[in-house]
Amino acid sequence: MAVRILYKTAAEAEIEEAFGAYETVRQGLGIDFLEELARIEGHLHANPALYQRIEGEMRRAVLRRFPYGLFYVVDGEQVNVLGCLHLHRDPCSYTELRER
């Protein structure tokens, strides 16, 4: 079952921020970050239930090489990405993510 993936505005902003931060560390590192997100998206398209459920229906896909998690919920044939959060920082509560 191929699903559609939609990013909430806040998740898009978090991804743009991370991309910019990684590009300031080393040119091309931000591209690596986006490629890792694309890898995760490929998994979500094929099997949205693949990743760990962390609270209620919310799931988290942890990126390789980068300390980020992609937080999402599956709604029928659609995946709603609620956030892309740095896992070593003090994240907002899962309740706040669901309210996005």
C-alpha atoms as a PDB file:
ATOM      1  CA  MET A   1       0.000   0.000   0.000  1.00  0.00           C
ATOM      2  CA  ALA A   2       1.584   3.264  -1.111  1.00  0.00           C
ATOM      3  CA  VAL A   3       0.552   6.178   1.068  1.00  0.00           C
ATOM      4  CA  ARG A   4       0.645   9.922   0.659  1.00  0.00           C
ATOM      5  CA  ILE A   5       2.965  11.814   3.008  1.00  0.00           C
ATOM      6  CA  LEU A   6       1.985  15.295   4.172  1.00  0.00           C
ATOM      7  CA  TYR A   7       4.203  17.544   6.289  1.00  0.00           C
ATOM      8  CA  LYS A   8       2.646  19.969   8.730  1.00  0.00           C
ATOM      9  CA  THR A   9       3.996  23.518   8.479  1.00  0.00           C
ATOM     10  CA  ALA A  10       5.868  23.189  11.775  1.00  0.00           C
ATOM     11  CA  ALA A  11       7.578  19.994  10.587  1.00  0.00           C
ATOM     12  CA  GLU A  12       8.664  21.688   7.353  1.00  0.00           C
ATOM     13  CA  ALA A  13      10.108  24.592   9.366  1.00  0.00           C
ATOM     14  CA  GLU A  14      12.031  22.196  11.645  1.00  0.00           C
ATOM     15  CA  ILE A  15      13.486  20.399   8.627  1.00  0.00           C
ATOM     16  CA  GLU A  16      14.532  23.689   7.004  1.00  0.00           C
ATOM     17  CA  GLU A  17      16.170  24.789  10.262  1.00  0.00           C
ATOM     18  CA  ALA A  18      18.086  21.511  10.605  1.00  0.00           C
ATOM     19  CA  PHE A  19      19.144  21.646   6.950  1.00  0.00           C
ATOM     20  CA  GLY A  20      20.514  25.174   7.418  1.00  0.00           C
ATOM     21  CA  ALA A  21      22.330  24.244  10.617  1.00  0.00           C
ATOM     22  CA  TYR A  22      23.993  21.231   8.992  1.00  0.00           C
ATOM     23  CA  GLU A  23      24.993  23.267   5.934  1.00  0.00           C
ATOM     24  CA  THR A  24      26.775  25.768   8.203  1.00  0.00           C
ATOM     25  CA  VAL A  25      28.735  22.893   9.776  1.00  0.00           C
ATOM     26  CA  ARG A  26      29.838  21.520   6.401  1.00  0.00           C
ATOM     27  CA  GLN A  27      28.590  22.170   2.909  1.00  0.00           C
ATOM     28  CA  GLY A  28      26.674  19.118   1.719  1.00  0.00           C
ATOM     29  CA  LEU A  29      25.831  17.847   5.203  1.00  0.00           C
ATOM     30  CA  GLY A  30      22.368  19.385   4.909  1.00  0.00           C
ATOM     31  CA  ILE A  31      21.879  17.474   1.658  1.00  0.00           C
ATOM     32  CA  ASP A  32      22.872  14.281   3.482  1.00  0.00           C
ATOM     33  CA  PHE A  33      20.214  15.096   6.078  1.00  0.00           C
ATOM     34  CA  LEU A  34      17.554  15.515   3.374  1.00  0.00           C
ATOM     35  CA  GLU A  35      18.647  12.265   1.718  1.00  0.00           C
ATOM     36  CA  GLU A  36      18.185  10.464   5.029  1.00  0.00           C
ATOM     37  CA  LEU A  37      14.692  11.939   5.302  1.00  0.00           C
ATOM     38  CA  ALA A  38      13.996  10.668   1.776  1.00  0.00           C
ATOM     39  CA  ARG A  39      15.122   7.193   2.837  1.00  0.00           C
ATOM     40  CA  ILE A  40      12.675   7.290   5.747  1.00  0.00           C
ATOM     41  CA  GLU A  41       9.927   8.501   3.400  1.00  0.00           C
ATOM     42  CA  GLY A  42      10.562   5.486   1.190  1.00  0.00           C
ATOM     43  CA  HIS A  43       9.945   3.227   4.161  1.00  0.00           C
ATOM     44  CA  LEU A  44       6.786   5.148   5.073  1.00  0.00           C
ATOM     45  CA  HIS A  45       5.425   4.856   1.529  1.00  0.00           C
ATOM     46  CA  ALA A  46       5.884   1.090   1.598  1.00  0.00           C
ATOM     47  CA  ASN A  47       4.911   0.393   5.210  1.00  0.00           C
ATOM     48  CA  PRO A  48       3.713   3.306   7.364  1.00  0.00           C
ATOM     49  CA  ALA A  49       3.335   1.054  10.423  1.00  0.00           C
ATOM     50  CA  LEU A  50       7.010   0.073  10.314  1.00  0.00           C
ATOM     51  CA  TYR A  51       8.228   2.442  13.015  1.00  0.00           C
ATOM     52  CA  GLN A  52       7.718   2.384  16.762  1.00  0.00           C
ATOM     53  CA  ARG A  53       4.466   3.650  18.220  1.00  0.00           C
ATOM     54  CA  ILE A  54       5.383   5.997  21.053  1.00  0.00           C
ATOM     55  CA  GLU A  55       2.081   7.404  22.315  1.00  0.00           C
ATOM     56  CA  GLY A  56      -1.396   6.571  21.135  1.00  0.00           C
ATOM     57  CA  GLU A  57      -1.259   6.469  17.347  1.00  0.00           C
ATOM     58  CA  MET A  58       1.887   8.627  17.100  1.00  0.00           C
ATOM     59  CA  ARG A  59       4.976   6.925  15.714  1.00  0.00           C
ATOM     60  CA  ARG A  60       8.636   7.912  15.555  1.00  0.00           C
ATOM     61  CA  ALA A  61      11.149   7.092  12.843  1.00  0.00           C
ATOM     62  CA  VAL A  62      14.711   7.709  14.065  1.00  0.00           C
ATOM     63  CA  LEU A  63      17.131   8.947  11.415  1.00  0.00           C
ATOM     64  CA  ARG A  64      20.512   7.297  10.913  1.00  0.00           C
ATOM     65  CA  ARG A  65      23.603   9.511  11.235  1.00  0.00           C
ATOM     66  CA  PHE A  66      21.504  12.369  12.592  1.00  0.00           C
ATOM     67  CA  PRO A  67      19.990  12.721  16.067  1.00  0.00           C
ATOM     68  CA  TYR A  68      16.501  13.472  14.758  1.00  0.00           C
ATOM     69  CA  GLY A  69      13.162  11.719  14.898  1.00  0.00           C
ATOM     70  CA  LEU A  70      10.340  12.070  12.413  1.00  0.00           C
ATOM     71  CA  PHE A  71       7.068  12.049  14.377  1.00  0.00           C
ATOM     72  CA  TYR A  72       3.953  11.061  12.468  1.00  0.00           C
ATOM     73  CA  VAL A  73       0.494   9.535  12.541  1.00  0.00           C
ATOM     74  CA  VAL A  74      -1.116   7.294   9.944  1.00  0.00           C
ATOM     75  CA  ASP A  75      -4.577   8.342   8.811  1.00  0.00           C
ATOM     76  CA  GLY A  76      -5.883   5.759   6.375  1.00  0.00           C
ATOM     77  CA  GLU A  77      -3.764   6.042   3.240  1.00  0.00           C
ATOM     78  CA  GLN A  78      -2.075   9.220   4.422  1.00  0.00           C
ATOM     79  CA  VAL A  79       0.876   9.853   6.741  1.00  0.00           C
ATOM     80  CA  ASN A  80       0.809  13.180   8.566  1.00  0.00           C
ATOM     81  CA  VAL A  81       4.278  14.246   9.675  1.00  0.00           C
ATOM     82  CA  LEU A  82       3.835  16.325  12.814  1.00  0.00           C
ATOM     83  CA  GLY A  83       7.442  17.142  13.591  1.00  0.00           C
ATOM     84  CA  CYS A  84      11.102  16.502  12.942  1.00  0.00           C
ATOM     85  CA  LEU A  85      12.748  16.968  16.311  1.00  0.00           C
ATOM     86  CA  HIS A  86      16.308  16.802  17.581  1.00  0.00           C
ATOM     87  CA  LEU A  87      16.283  13.896  20.019  1.00  0.00           C
ATOM     88  CA  HIS A  88      19.027  15.213  22.324  1.00  0.00           C
ATOM     89  CA  ARG A  89      17.256  18.470  23.082  1.00  0.00           C
ATOM     90  CA  ASP A  90      14.298  19.070  25.333  1.00  0.00           C
ATOM     91  CA  PRO A  91      11.458  18.264  22.916  1.00  0.00           C
ATOM     92  CA  CYS A  92       7.935  19.565  23.211  1.00  0.00           C
ATOM     93  CA  SER A  93       5.497  17.064  24.651  1.00  0.00           C
ATOM     94  CA  TYR A  94       3.819  14.548  22.398  1.00  0.00           C
ATOM     95  CA  THR A  95       0.529  16.268  23.170  1.00  0.00           C
ATOM     96  CA  GLU A  96       1.856  19.485  21.639  1.00  0.00           C
ATOM     97  CA  LEU A  97       2.876  17.568  18.506  1.00  0.00           C
ATOM     98  CA  ARG A  98      -0.616  16.120  18.120  1.00  0.00           C
ATOM     99  CA  GLU A  99      -2.113  19.601  18.314  1.00  0.00           C
ATOM    100  CA  ARG A 100      -0.196  20.782  15.231  1.00  0.00           C
END
